[in-house]
PDB file of N, CA and C in Angstrom:
ATOM      1  N   MET A   1       0.841  -1.168   0.000  1.00  0.00           N
ATOM      2  CA  MET A   1       0.000   0.000   0.000  1.00  0.00           C
ATOM      3  C   MET A   1       0.892   1.240   0.000  1.00  0.00           C
ATOM      4  N   ALA A   2       0.619   2.138  -0.909  1.00  0.00           N
ATOM      5  CA  ALA A   2       1.421   3.358  -1.037  1.00  0.00           C
ATOM      6  C   ALA A   2       1.071   4.344   0.069  1.00  0.00           C
ATOM      7  N   LYS A   3       2.091   5.020   0.527  1.00  0.00           N
ATOM      8  CA  LYS A   3       1.894   6.018   1.574  1.00  0.00           C
ATOM      9  C   LYS A   3       1.271   7.276   0.969  1.00  0.00           C
ATOM     10  N   LYS A   4       0.260   7.807   1.639  1.00  0.00           N
ATOM     11  CA  LYS A   4      -0.397   9.013   1.140  1.00  0.00           C
ATOM     12  C   LYS A   4       0.480  10.227   1.404  1.00  0.00           C
ATOM     13  N   THR A   5       0.548  11.069   0.416  1.00  0.00           N
ATOM     14  CA  THR A   5       1.279  12.318   0.596  1.00  0.00           C
ATOM     15  C   THR A   5       0.329  13.380   1.119  1.00  0.00           C
ATOM     16  N   LEU A   6       0.885  14.482   1.510  1.00  0.00           N
ATOM     17  CA  LEU A   6       0.079  15.582   2.030  1.00  0.00           C
ATOM     18  C   LEU A   6      -0.854  16.122   0.952  1.00  0.00           C
ATOM     19  N   ASP A   7      -0.406  16.106  -0.303  1.00  0.00           N
ATOM     20  CA  ASP A   7      -1.241  16.595  -1.397  1.00  0.00           C
ATOM     21  C   ASP A   7      -2.459  15.704  -1.614  1.00  0.00           C
ATOM     22  N   ASP A   8      -2.283  14.394  -1.432  1.00  0.00           N
ATOM     23  CA  ASP A   8      -3.403  13.478  -1.593  1.00  0.00           C
ATOM     24  C   ASP A   8      -4.395  13.604  -0.447  1.00  0.00           C
ATOM     25  N   ALA A   9      -3.908  13.884   0.736  1.00  0.00           N
ATOM     26  CA  ALA A   9      -4.779  13.957   1.902  1.00  0.00           C
ATOM     27  C   ALA A   9      -5.647  15.209   1.890  1.00  0.00           C
ATOM     28  N   TYR A  10      -5.127  16.293   1.352  1.00  0.00           N
ATOM     29  CA  TYR A  10      -5.858  17.566   1.338  1.00  0.00           C
ATOM     30  C   TYR A  10      -5.876  18.128  -0.081  1.00  0.00           C
ATOM     31  N   PRO A  11      -6.768  17.654  -0.917  1.00  0.00           N
ATOM     32  CA  PRO A  11      -6.807  18.190  -2.278  1.00  0.00           C
ATOM     33  C   PRO A  11      -7.263  19.653  -2.270  1.00  0.00           C
ATOM     34  N   VAL A  12      -6.670  20.435  -3.140  1.00  0.00           N
ATOM     35  CA  VAL A  12      -6.985  21.860  -3.214  1.00  0.00           C
ATOM     36  C   VAL A  12      -7.868  22.098  -4.426  1.00  0.00           C
ATOM     37  N   ASN A  13      -8.992  22.723  -4.176  1.00  0.00           N
ATOM     38  CA  ASN A  13      -9.890  23.082  -5.254  1.00  0.00           C
ATOM     39  C   ASN A  13      -9.483  24.461  -5.755  1.00  0.00           C
ATOM     40  N   SER A  14      -9.225  24.586  -7.044  1.00  0.00           N
ATOM     41  CA  SER A  14      -8.745  25.865  -7.571  1.00  0.00           C
ATOM     42  C   SER A  14      -9.796  26.959  -7.497  1.00  0.00           C
ATOM     43  N   SER A  15     -11.065  26.600  -7.356  1.00  0.00           N
ATOM     44  CA  SER A  15     -12.105  27.626  -7.279  1.00  0.00           C
ATOM     45  C   SER A  15     -12.211  28.233  -5.886  1.00  0.00           C
ATOM     46  N   THR A  16     -11.532  27.660  -4.883  1.00  0.00           N
ATOM     47  CA  THR A  16     -11.617  28.193  -3.523  1.00  0.00           C
ATOM     48  C   THR A  16     -10.377  28.975  -3.129  1.00  0.00           C
ATOM     49  N   ARG A  17      -9.558  29.360  -4.097  1.00  0.00           N
ATOM     50  CA  ARG A  17      -8.358  30.124  -3.791  1.00  0.00           C
ATOM     51  C   ARG A  17      -8.732  31.498  -3.274  1.00  0.00           C
ATOM     52  N   ALA A  18      -7.893  32.019  -2.381  1.00  0.00           N
ATOM     53  CA  ALA A  18      -8.166  33.325  -1.782  1.00  0.00           C
ATOM     54  C   ALA A  18      -7.867  34.464  -2.747  1.00  0.00           C
ATOM     55  N   GLY A  19      -6.832  34.343  -3.540  1.00  0.00           N
ATOM     56  CA  GLY A  19      -6.441  35.424  -4.432  1.00  0.00           C
ATOM     57  C   GLY A  19      -7.172  35.356  -5.755  1.00  0.00           C
ATOM     58  N   HIS A  20      -7.237  36.483  -6.404  1.00  0.00           N
ATOM     59  CA  HIS A  20      -7.846  36.549  -7.722  1.00  0.00           C
ATOM     60  C   HIS A  20      -6.751  36.837  -8.731  1.00  0.00           C
ATOM     61  N   ASP A  21      -6.832  36.193  -9.866  1.00  0.00           N
ATOM     62  CA  ASP A  21      -5.815  36.373 -10.894  1.00  0.00           C
ATOM     63  C   ASP A  21      -6.214  37.448 -11.893  1.00  0.00           C
ATOM     64  N   THR A  22      -6.779  38.519 -11.398  1.00  0.00           N
ATOM     65  CA  THR A  22      -7.144  39.611 -12.286  1.00  0.00           C
ATOM     66  C   THR A  22      -5.897  40.415 -12.629  1.00  0.00           C
ATOM     67  N   PRO A  23      -5.836  40.930 -13.830  1.00  0.00           N
ATOM     68  CA  PRO A  23      -4.654  41.722 -14.198  1.00  0.00           C
ATOM     69  C   PRO A  23      -4.637  43.061 -13.472  1.00  0.00           C
ATOM     70  N   ASN A  24      -3.447  43.641 -13.396  1.00  0.00           N
ATOM     71  CA  ASN A  24      -3.311  44.951 -12.765  1.00  0.00           C
ATOM     72  C   ASN A  24      -3.936  46.024 -13.648  1.00  0.00           C
ATOM     73  N   PRO A  25      -4.326  47.146 -13.034  1.00  0.00           N
ATOM     74  CA  PRO A  25      -4.805  48.263 -13.852  1.00  0.00           C
ATOM     75  C   PRO A  25      -3.693  48.787 -14.762  1.00  0.00           C
ATOM     76  N   ILE A  26      -4.086  49.502 -15.780  1.00  0.00           N
ATOM     77  CA  ILE A  26      -3.132  49.979 -16.782  1.00  0.00           C
ATOM     78  C   ILE A  26      -2.111  50.944 -16.189  1.00  0.00           C
ATOM     79  N   TRP A  27      -2.445  51.627 -15.122  1.00  0.00           N
ATOM     80  CA  TRP A  27      -1.552  52.620 -14.525  1.00  0.00           C
ATOM     81  C   TRP A  27      -0.509  51.994 -13.603  1.00  0.00           C
ATOM     82  N   PHE A  28      -0.663  50.724 -13.247  1.00  0.00           N
ATOM     83  CA  PHE A  28       0.189  50.110 -12.231  1.00  0.00           C
ATOM     84  C   PHE A  28       1.656  50.043 -12.656  1.00  0.00           C
ATOM     85  N   LYS A  29       1.904  49.533 -13.851  1.00  0.00           N
ATOM     86  CA  LYS A  29       3.287  49.350 -14.308  1.00  0.00           C
ATOM     87  C   LYS A  29       4.026  50.676 -14.491  1.00  0.00           C
ATOM     88  N   PRO A  30       3.423  51.706 -15.110  1.00  0.00           N
ATOM     89  CA  PRO A  30       4.154  52.981 -15.210  1.00  0.00           C
ATOM     90  C   PRO A  30       4.456  53.613 -13.855  1.00  0.00           C
ATOM     91  N   ILE A  31       3.539  53.496 -12.900  1.00  0.00           N
ATOM     92  CA  ILE A  31       3.781  54.054 -11.567  1.00  0.00           C
ATOM     93  C   ILE A  31       4.903  53.282 -10.873  1.00  0.00           C
ATOM     94  N   MET A  32       4.877  51.952 -10.996  1.00  0.00           N
ATOM     95  CA  MET A  32       5.894  51.113 -10.366  1.00  0.00           C
ATOM     96  C   MET A  32       7.289  51.458 -10.897  1.00  0.00           C
ATOM     97  N   PHE A  33       7.431  51.466 -12.220  1.00  0.00           N
ATOM     98  CA  PHE A  33       8.732  51.800 -12.801  1.00  0.00           C
ATOM     99  C   PHE A  33       9.076  53.272 -12.571  1.00  0.00           C
ATOM    100  N   GLY A  34       8.062  54.118 -12.513  1.00  0.00           N
ATOM    101  CA  GLY A  34       8.290  55.533 -12.248  1.00  0.00           C
ATOM    102  C   GLY A  34       8.927  55.764 -10.893  1.00  0.00           C
ATOM    103  N   PHE A  35       8.426  55.072  -9.862  1.00  0.00           N
ATOM    104  CA  PHE A  35       9.025  55.202  -8.533  1.00  0.00           C
ATOM    105  C   PHE A  35      10.491  54.782  -8.551  1.00  0.00           C
ATOM    106  N   MET A  36      10.787  53.680  -9.239  1.00  0.00           N
ATOM    107  CA  MET A  36      12.168  53.205  -9.270  1.00  0.00           C
ATOM    108  C   MET A  36      13.082  54.170 -10.023  1.00  0.00           C
ATOM    109  N   ILE A  37      12.604  54.705 -11.133  1.00  0.00           N
ATOM    110  CA  ILE A  37      13.426  55.618 -11.931  1.00  0.00           C
ATOM    111  C   ILE A  37      13.606  56.958 -11.225  1.00  0.00           C
ATOM    112  N   VAL A  38      12.533  57.473 -10.614  1.00  0.00           N
ATOM    113  CA  VAL A  38      12.643  58.751  -9.897  1.00  0.00           C
ATOM    114  C   VAL A  38      13.589  58.610  -8.706  1.00  0.00           C
ATOM    115  N   GLY A  39      13.522  57.479  -8.005  1.00  0.00           N
ATOM    116  CA  GLY A  39      14.442  57.253  -6.891  1.00  0.00           C
ATOM    117  C   GLY A  39      15.888  57.215  -7.345  1.00  0.00           C
ATOM    118  N   LEU A  40      16.137  56.534  -8.449  1.00  0.00           N
ATOM    119  CA  LEU A  40      17.497  56.484  -8.992  1.00  0.00           C
ATOM    120  C   LEU A  40      17.954  57.867  -9.440  1.00  0.00           C
ATOM    121  N   ALA A  41      17.080  58.594 -10.115  1.00  0.00           N
ATOM    122  CA  ALA A  41      17.427  59.949 -10.558  1.00  0.00           C
ATOM    123  C   ALA A  41      17.684  60.864  -9.364  1.00  0.00           C
ATOM    124  N   TRP A  42      16.927  60.670  -8.278  1.00  0.00           N
ATOM    125  CA  TRP A  42      17.116  61.479  -7.063  1.00  0.00           C
ATOM    126  C   TRP A  42      18.533  61.280  -6.510  1.00  0.00           C
ATOM    127  N   ILE A  43      18.943  60.011  -6.409  1.00  0.00           N
ATOM    128  CA  ILE A  43      20.274  59.709  -5.870  1.00  0.00           C
ATOM    129  C   ILE A  43      21.371  60.206  -6.807  1.00  0.00           C
ATOM    130  N   LEU A  44      21.210  59.981  -8.107  1.00  0.00           N
ATOM    131  CA  LEU A  44      22.218  60.453  -9.061  1.00  0.00           C
ATOM    132  C   LEU A  44      22.337  61.975  -9.041  1.00  0.00           C
ATOM    133  N   THR A  45      21.205  62.666  -8.938  1.00  0.00           N
ATOM    134  CA  THR A  45      21.238  64.128  -8.865  1.00  0.00           C
ATOM    135  C   THR A  45      21.976  64.593  -7.622  1.00  0.00           C
ATOM    136  N   PHE A  46      21.744  63.911  -6.517  1.00  0.00           N
ATOM    137  CA  PHE A  46      22.429  64.271  -5.273  1.00  0.00           C
ATOM    138  C   PHE A  46      23.942  64.119  -5.414  1.00  0.00           C
ATOM    139  N   TYR A  47      24.373  63.004  -6.004  1.00  0.00           N
ATOM    140  CA  TYR A  47      25.815  62.772  -6.143  1.00  0.00           C
ATOM    141  C   TYR A  47      26.457  63.695  -7.171  1.00  0.00           C
ATOM    142  N   VAL A  48      25.812  63.883  -8.306  1.00  0.00           N
ATOM    143  CA  VAL A  48      26.401  64.696  -9.371  1.00  0.00           C
ATOM    144  C   VAL A  48      26.485  66.164  -8.958  1.00  0.00           C
ATOM    145  N   SER A  49      25.492  66.641  -8.208  1.00  0.00           N
ATOM    146  CA  SER A  49      25.487  68.052  -7.799  1.00  0.00           C
ATOM    147  C   SER A  49      26.285  68.293  -6.525  1.00  0.00           C
ATOM    148  N   ALA A  50      26.938  67.285  -6.007  1.00  0.00           N
ATOM    149  CA  ALA A  50      27.740  67.386  -4.778  1.00  0.00           C
ATOM    150  C   ALA A  50      26.911  67.869  -3.594  1.00  0.00           C
ATOM    151  N   GLY A  51      25.661  67.426  -3.542  1.00  0.00           N
ATOM    152  CA  GLY A  51      24.805  67.737  -2.402  1.00  0.00           C
ATOM    153  C   GLY A  51      24.026  69.028  -2.513  1.00  0.00           C
ATOM    154  N   LEU A  52      24.126  69.736  -3.638  1.00  0.00           N
ATOM    155  CA  LEU A  52      23.391  70.994  -3.797  1.00  0.00           C
ATOM    156  C   LEU A  52      21.934  70.778  -4.201  1.00  0.00           C
ATOM    157  N   PHE A  53      21.645  69.664  -4.825  1.00  0.00           N
ATOM    158  CA  PHE A  53      20.285  69.329  -5.251  1.00  0.00           C
ATOM    159  C   PHE A  53      19.959  67.938  -4.768  1.00  0.00           C
ATOM    160  N   PRO A  54      18.805  67.434  -4.714  1.00  0.00           N
ATOM    161  CA  PRO A  54      17.493  68.032  -4.872  1.00  0.00           C
ATOM    162  C   PRO A  54      17.069  68.889  -3.677  1.00  0.00           C
ATOM    163  N   ILE A  55      17.380  68.487  -2.433  1.00  0.00           N
ATOM    164  CA  ILE A  55      17.026  69.290  -1.258  1.00  0.00           C
ATOM    165  C   ILE A  55      18.308  69.494  -0.452  1.00  0.00           C
ATOM    166  N   PRO A  56      18.943  70.653  -0.576  1.00  0.00           N
ATOM    167  CA  PRO A  56      20.240  70.833   0.094  1.00  0.00           C
ATOM    168  C   PRO A  56      20.157  70.845   1.618  1.00  0.00           C
ATOM    169  N   SER A  57      19.023  71.229   2.186  1.00  0.00           N
ATOM    170  CA  SER A  57      18.943  71.358   3.646  1.00  0.00           C
ATOM    171  C   SER A  57      18.919  70.018   4.374  1.00  0.00           C
ATOM    172  N   VAL A  58      18.555  68.926   3.690  1.00  0.00           N
ATOM    173  CA  VAL A  58      18.506  67.629   4.378  1.00  0.00           C
ATOM    174  C   VAL A  58      19.804  66.848   4.233  1.00  0.00           C
ATOM    175  N   GLY A  59      20.687  67.299   3.364  1.00  0.00           N
ATOM    176  CA  GLY A  59      22.002  66.677   3.240  1.00  0.00           C
ATOM    177  C   GLY A  59      21.943  65.233   2.788  1.00  0.00           C
ATOM    178  N   ALA A  60      22.575  64.355   3.568  1.00  0.00           N
ATOM    179  CA  ALA A  60      22.685  62.944   3.195  1.00  0.00           C
ATOM    180  C   ALA A  60      21.353  62.203   3.264  1.00  0.00           C
ATOM    181  N   LEU A  61      20.344  62.804   3.852  1.00  0.00           N
ATOM    182  CA  LEU A  61      19.027  62.153   3.853  1.00  0.00           C
ATOM    183  C   LEU A  61      18.427  62.080   2.455  1.00  0.00           C
ATOM    184  N   ASN A  62      19.005  62.819   1.517  1.00  0.00           N
ATOM    185  CA  ASN A  62      18.573  62.690   0.124  1.00  0.00           C
ATOM    186  C   ASN A  62      18.766  61.261  -0.376  1.00  0.00           C
ATOM    187  N   ILE A  63      19.790  60.584   0.106  1.00  0.00           N
ATOM    188  CA  ILE A  63      20.015  59.190  -0.281  1.00  0.00           C
ATOM    189  C   ILE A  63      18.887  58.317   0.258  1.00  0.00           C
ATOM    190  N   VAL A  64      18.482  58.560   1.489  1.00  0.00           N
ATOM    191  CA  VAL A  64      17.382  57.794   2.087  1.00  0.00           C
ATOM    192  C   VAL A  64      16.090  58.044   1.319  1.00  0.00           C
ATOM    193  N   ILE A  65      15.853  59.284   0.929  1.00  0.00           N
ATOM    194  CA  ILE A  65      14.653  59.604   0.149  1.00  0.00           C
ATOM    195  C   ILE A  65      14.678  58.857  -1.180  1.00  0.00           C
ATOM    196  N   GLY A  66      15.818  58.869  -1.860  1.00  0.00           N
ATOM    197  CA  GLY A  66      15.940  58.166  -3.134  1.00  0.00           C
ATOM    198  C   GLY A  66      15.730  56.671  -2.993  1.00  0.00           C
ATOM    199  N   PHE A  67      16.366  56.066  -1.986  1.00  0.00           N
ATOM    200  CA  PHE A  67      16.173  54.635  -1.775  1.00  0.00           C
ATOM    201  C   PHE A  67      14.744  54.328  -1.339  1.00  0.00           C
ATOM    202  N   GLY A  68      14.128  55.230  -0.607  1.00  0.00           N
ATOM    203  CA  GLY A  68      12.731  55.038  -0.215  1.00  0.00           C
ATOM    204  C   GLY A  68      11.812  55.010  -1.419  1.00  0.00           C
ATOM    205  N   LEU A  69      12.034  55.908  -2.361  1.00  0.00           N
ATOM    206  CA  LEU A  69      11.232  55.915  -3.586  1.00  0.00           C
ATOM    207  C   LEU A  69      11.439  54.629  -4.382  1.00  0.00           C
ATOM    208  N   MET A  70      12.691  54.196  -4.491  1.00  0.00           N
ATOM    209  CA  MET A  70      12.950  52.943  -5.206  1.00  0.00           C
ATOM    210  C   MET A  70      12.337  51.756  -4.479  1.00  0.00           C
ATOM    211  N   PHE A  71      12.363  51.775  -3.152  1.00  0.00           N
ATOM    212  CA  PHE A  71      11.805  50.678  -2.364  1.00  0.00           C
ATOM    213  C   PHE A  71      10.297  50.565  -2.573  1.00  0.00           C
ATOM    214  N   ILE A  72       9.616  51.700  -2.687  1.00  0.00           N
ATOM    215  CA  ILE A  72       8.179  51.668  -2.972  1.00  0.00           C
ATOM    216  C   ILE A  72       7.936  50.980  -4.310  1.00  0.00           C
ATOM    217  N   GLY A  73       8.748  51.300  -5.307  1.00  0.00           N
ATOM    218  CA  GLY A  73       8.620  50.643  -6.608  1.00  0.00           C
ATOM    219  C   GLY A  73       8.873  49.152  -6.525  1.00  0.00           C
ATOM    220  N   PHE A  74       9.892  48.754  -5.767  1.00  0.00           N
ATOM    221  CA  PHE A  74      10.173  47.326  -5.625  1.00  0.00           C
ATOM    222  C   PHE A  74       9.080  46.615  -4.834  1.00  0.00           C
ATOM    223  N   LEU A  75       8.477  47.281  -3.864  1.00  0.00           N
ATOM    224  CA  LEU A  75       7.343  46.674  -3.160  1.00  0.00           C
ATOM    225  C   LEU A  75       6.160  46.469  -4.097  1.00  0.00           C
ATOM    226  N   MET A  76       5.982  47.375  -5.019  1.00  0.00           N
ATOM    227  CA  MET A  76       4.889  47.230  -5.980  1.00  0.00           C
ATOM    228  C   MET A  76       5.096  46.032  -6.893  1.00  0.00           C
ATOM    229  N   THR A  77       6.358  45.616  -7.108  1.00  0.00           N
ATOM    230  CA  THR A  77       6.598  44.454  -7.969  1.00  0.00           C
ATOM    231  C   THR A  77       6.036  43.179  -7.358  1.00  0.00           C
ATOM    232  N   THR A  78       5.838  43.150  -6.045  1.00  0.00           N
ATOM    233  CA  THR A  78       5.277  41.946  -5.426  1.00  0.00           C
ATOM    234  C   THR A  78       3.801  41.784  -5.750  1.00  0.00           C
ATOM    235  N   ARG A  79       3.130  42.831  -6.189  1.00  0.00           N
ATOM    236  CA  ARG A  79       1.712  42.768  -6.544  1.00  0.00           C
ATOM    237  C   ARG A  79       1.481  42.772  -8.042  1.00  0.00           C
ATOM    238  N   TRP A  80       2.561  42.785  -8.825  1.00  0.00           N
ATOM    239  CA  TRP A  80       2.454  42.843 -10.275  1.00  0.00           C
ATOM    240  C   TRP A  80       2.071  41.471 -10.808  1.00  0.00           C
ATOM    241  N   ARG A  81       1.093  41.446 -11.685  1.00  0.00           N
ATOM    242  CA  ARG A  81       0.661  40.174 -12.301  1.00  0.00           C
ATOM    243  C   ARG A  81       0.812  40.249 -13.788  1.00  0.00           C
TER     244      ARG A  81
END
């Protein structure tokens, strides 16, 4: 007698899945890539301008702002279908 696997013991019905496989709205991909590109441009602007741009009063926090923008874009990739 063959040993039952976990998959055999608990069959999964595809109609009872929690998630829906609906496509993302048309605006999702441009916003996602936009966050990543703007974050990269923010950091490059900070380095090329020697700290004079984009916001000179926050100094090195411009790097955190740039990485934060890119991180939002990368978080959006987890919801991309």
